[in-house]
């Protein structure tokens, strides 16, 4: 499952997409909107993308993961539109026979989402707004 949506994300749905009797581990990641950025109070975020292009990149990340680790399933969902503080903007689930592969692949997935998927983020503050530059892996 690789999806761009305006709807709330459901971690249980992603977990169900990667479940299998063959797996012994499911690693998940949920990226939520925090209430601050660089010393400023964040009110909300807004994400924009070209949905077809972004979903294609999510699928490519899934294929990269399956080539690098022995995983059974990968699911990635990212919201677009307005996201309030505390709400999730991205969720990932990866299943594998063993936890090491699941954890490593899940971390790889979020790092790749942040660097290669064409999704743009705008932060809204009490005193203004700004588009956020992309991040390199392991910076947040």
Protein backbone atom coordinates (compact mmCIF):
# COMPACT_ATOMS: atom_id res chain seq x y z
CA UNK A 1 0.00 0.00 0.00
CA UNK A 2 1.47 3.33 -1.09
CA UNK A 3 -0.94 6.22 -0.77
CA UNK A 4 -1.20 10.00 -0.79
CA UNK A 5 -4.41 11.17 0.88
CA UNK A 6 -6.24 14.12 2.39
CA UNK A 7 -7.85 11.82 4.97
CA UNK A 8 -6.60 11.05 8.49
CA UNK A 9 -4.03 8.28 8.54
CA UNK A 10 -4.69 4.98 10.31
CA UNK A 11 -1.68 3.01 11.55
CA UNK A 12 -3.82 -0.09 12.03
CA UNK A 13 -4.68 -0.04 8.32
CA UNK A 14 -1.00 0.05 7.34
CA UNK A 15 -0.17 -2.76 9.77
CA UNK A 16 -2.97 -4.90 8.31
CA UNK A 17 -1.54 -4.28 4.83
CA UNK A 18 1.82 -5.82 5.80
CA UNK A 19 0.67 -8.57 8.19
CA UNK A 20 1.39 -12.17 7.32
CA UNK A 21 1.78 -15.45 9.22
CA UNK A 22 5.34 -15.55 7.85
CA UNK A 23 6.53 -12.45 9.72
CA UNK A 24 7.85 -12.12 13.25
CA UNK A 25 8.16 -8.33 13.33
CA UNK A 26 6.29 -5.27 12.15
CA UNK A 27 8.07 -1.94 12.62
CA UNK A 28 6.08 1.26 12.33
CA UNK A 29 6.77 4.97 12.16
CA UNK A 30 4.31 7.81 12.64
CA UNK A 31 5.45 11.36 11.90
CA UNK A 32 3.34 13.92 13.73
CA UNK A 33 3.13 17.69 13.63
CA UNK A 34 5.00 19.24 16.53
CA UNK A 35 4.08 22.60 18.04
CA UNK A 36 7.42 24.31 17.41
CA UNK A 37 10.07 24.83 14.75
CA UNK A 38 13.31 26.74 15.19
CA UNK A 39 12.02 28.54 18.28
CA UNK A 40 8.67 29.54 16.76
CA UNK A 41 5.21 28.28 17.74
CA UNK A 42 3.71 26.18 14.91
CA UNK A 43 -0.06 26.41 14.48
CA UNK A 44 -0.39 23.94 11.60
CA UNK A 45 1.30 22.57 8.48
CA UNK A 46 0.19 22.30 4.91
CA UNK A 47 1.53 19.73 2.45
CA UNK A 48 1.26 19.90 -1.34
CA UNK A 49 2.30 17.42 -4.03
CA UNK A 50 1.57 15.99 -7.44
CA UNK A 51 -0.25 12.89 -6.18
CA UNK A 52 0.58 10.48 -9.01
CA UNK A 53 4.26 11.39 -8.98
CA UNK A 54 4.48 11.14 -5.18
CA UNK A 55 2.74 7.75 -5.08
CA UNK A 56 5.13 6.49 -7.77
CA UNK A 57 8.09 7.54 -5.60
CA UNK A 58 6.56 5.83 -2.55
CA UNK A 59 6.27 2.60 -4.57
CA UNK A 60 9.90 2.98 -5.71
CA UNK A 61 10.99 3.28 -2.07
CA UNK A 62 9.09 0.07 -1.34
CA UNK A 63 10.94 -1.69 -4.17
CA UNK A 64 14.31 -0.35 -2.94
CA UNK A 65 13.54 -1.76 0.51
CA UNK A 66 12.61 -5.17 -0.86
CA UNK A 67 15.93 -5.31 -2.74
CA UNK A 68 18.01 -4.34 0.31
CA UNK A 69 16.28 -6.28 3.11
CA UNK A 70 14.35 -9.50 3.39
CA UNK A 71 11.01 -7.92 4.16
CA UNK A 72 7.55 -9.30 3.54
CA UNK A 73 5.62 -6.04 3.22
CA UNK A 74 5.97 -2.27 3.06
CA UNK A 75 3.19 0.30 3.42
CA UNK A 76 3.64 4.07 3.29
CA UNK A 77 0.93 6.74 3.52
CA UNK A 78 1.39 10.52 3.49
CA UNK A 79 -1.25 13.16 4.03
CA UNK A 80 -1.53 16.35 2.06
CA UNK A 81 -3.51 19.46 2.85
CA UNK A 82 -3.76 21.09 6.27
CA UNK A 83 -2.38 19.11 9.23
CA UNK A 84 -2.97 20.32 12.80
CA UNK A 85 -0.49 20.05 15.68
CA UNK A 86 -0.51 16.48 17.02
CA UNK A 87 -1.90 14.95 13.83
CA UNK A 88 0.10 12.48 11.74
CA UNK A 89 1.35 13.48 8.33
CA UNK A 90 3.20 10.26 7.43
CA UNK A 91 2.97 6.64 8.53
CA UNK A 92 5.06 3.63 7.58
CA UNK A 93 4.78 -0.08 8.35
CA UNK A 94 7.36 -2.71 7.41
CA UNK A 95 7.10 -6.44 8.11
CA UNK A 96 9.90 -8.97 8.13
CA UNK A 97 10.81 -12.29 9.67
CA UNK A 98 13.07 -10.55 12.18
CA UNK A 99 13.05 -7.17 13.96
CA UNK A 100 16.48 -6.02 12.73
CA UNK A 101 15.39 -5.95 9.09
CA UNK A 102 12.01 -4.41 9.94
CA UNK A 103 13.57 -1.59 12.00
CA UNK A 104 16.33 -0.85 9.48
CA UNK A 105 13.95 -0.83 6.53
CA UNK A 106 11.44 1.38 8.35
CA UNK A 107 14.12 3.95 9.16
CA UNK A 108 15.36 3.84 5.58
CA UNK A 109 11.81 4.41 4.36
CA UNK A 110 11.26 7.66 6.29
CA UNK A 111 14.71 8.96 5.34
CA UNK A 112 13.95 8.31 1.66
CA UNK A 113 10.46 9.82 1.88
CA UNK A 114 12.02 13.02 3.25
CA UNK A 115 14.62 13.22 0.47
CA UNK A 116 13.06 11.89 -2.76
CA UNK A 117 9.29 12.21 -2.62
CA UNK A 118 8.08 15.52 -4.13
CA UNK A 119 6.03 16.76 -1.19
CA UNK A 120 6.29 20.39 -0.12
CA UNK A 121 5.64 21.59 3.43
CA UNK A 122 4.51 25.01 4.61
CA UNK A 123 4.60 25.92 8.31
CA UNK A 124 2.05 28.35 9.75
CA UNK A 125 3.01 30.43 12.79
CA UNK A 126 1.22 33.07 14.85
CA UNK A 127 3.22 35.75 13.02
CA UNK A 128 3.47 34.36 9.49
CA UNK A 129 4.21 31.33 7.36
CA UNK A 130 7.09 29.80 5.40
CA UNK A 131 7.87 27.00 2.99
CA UNK A 132 10.32 24.51 4.49
CA UNK A 133 13.41 23.38 2.60
CA UNK A 134 13.89 19.63 2.21
CA UNK A 135 15.88 17.76 4.81
CA UNK A 136 18.73 15.33 4.36
CA UNK A 137 18.51 11.89 5.97
CA UNK A 138 18.95 11.62 9.73
CA UNK A 139 18.55 15.36 10.38
CA UNK A 140 15.26 15.10 12.22
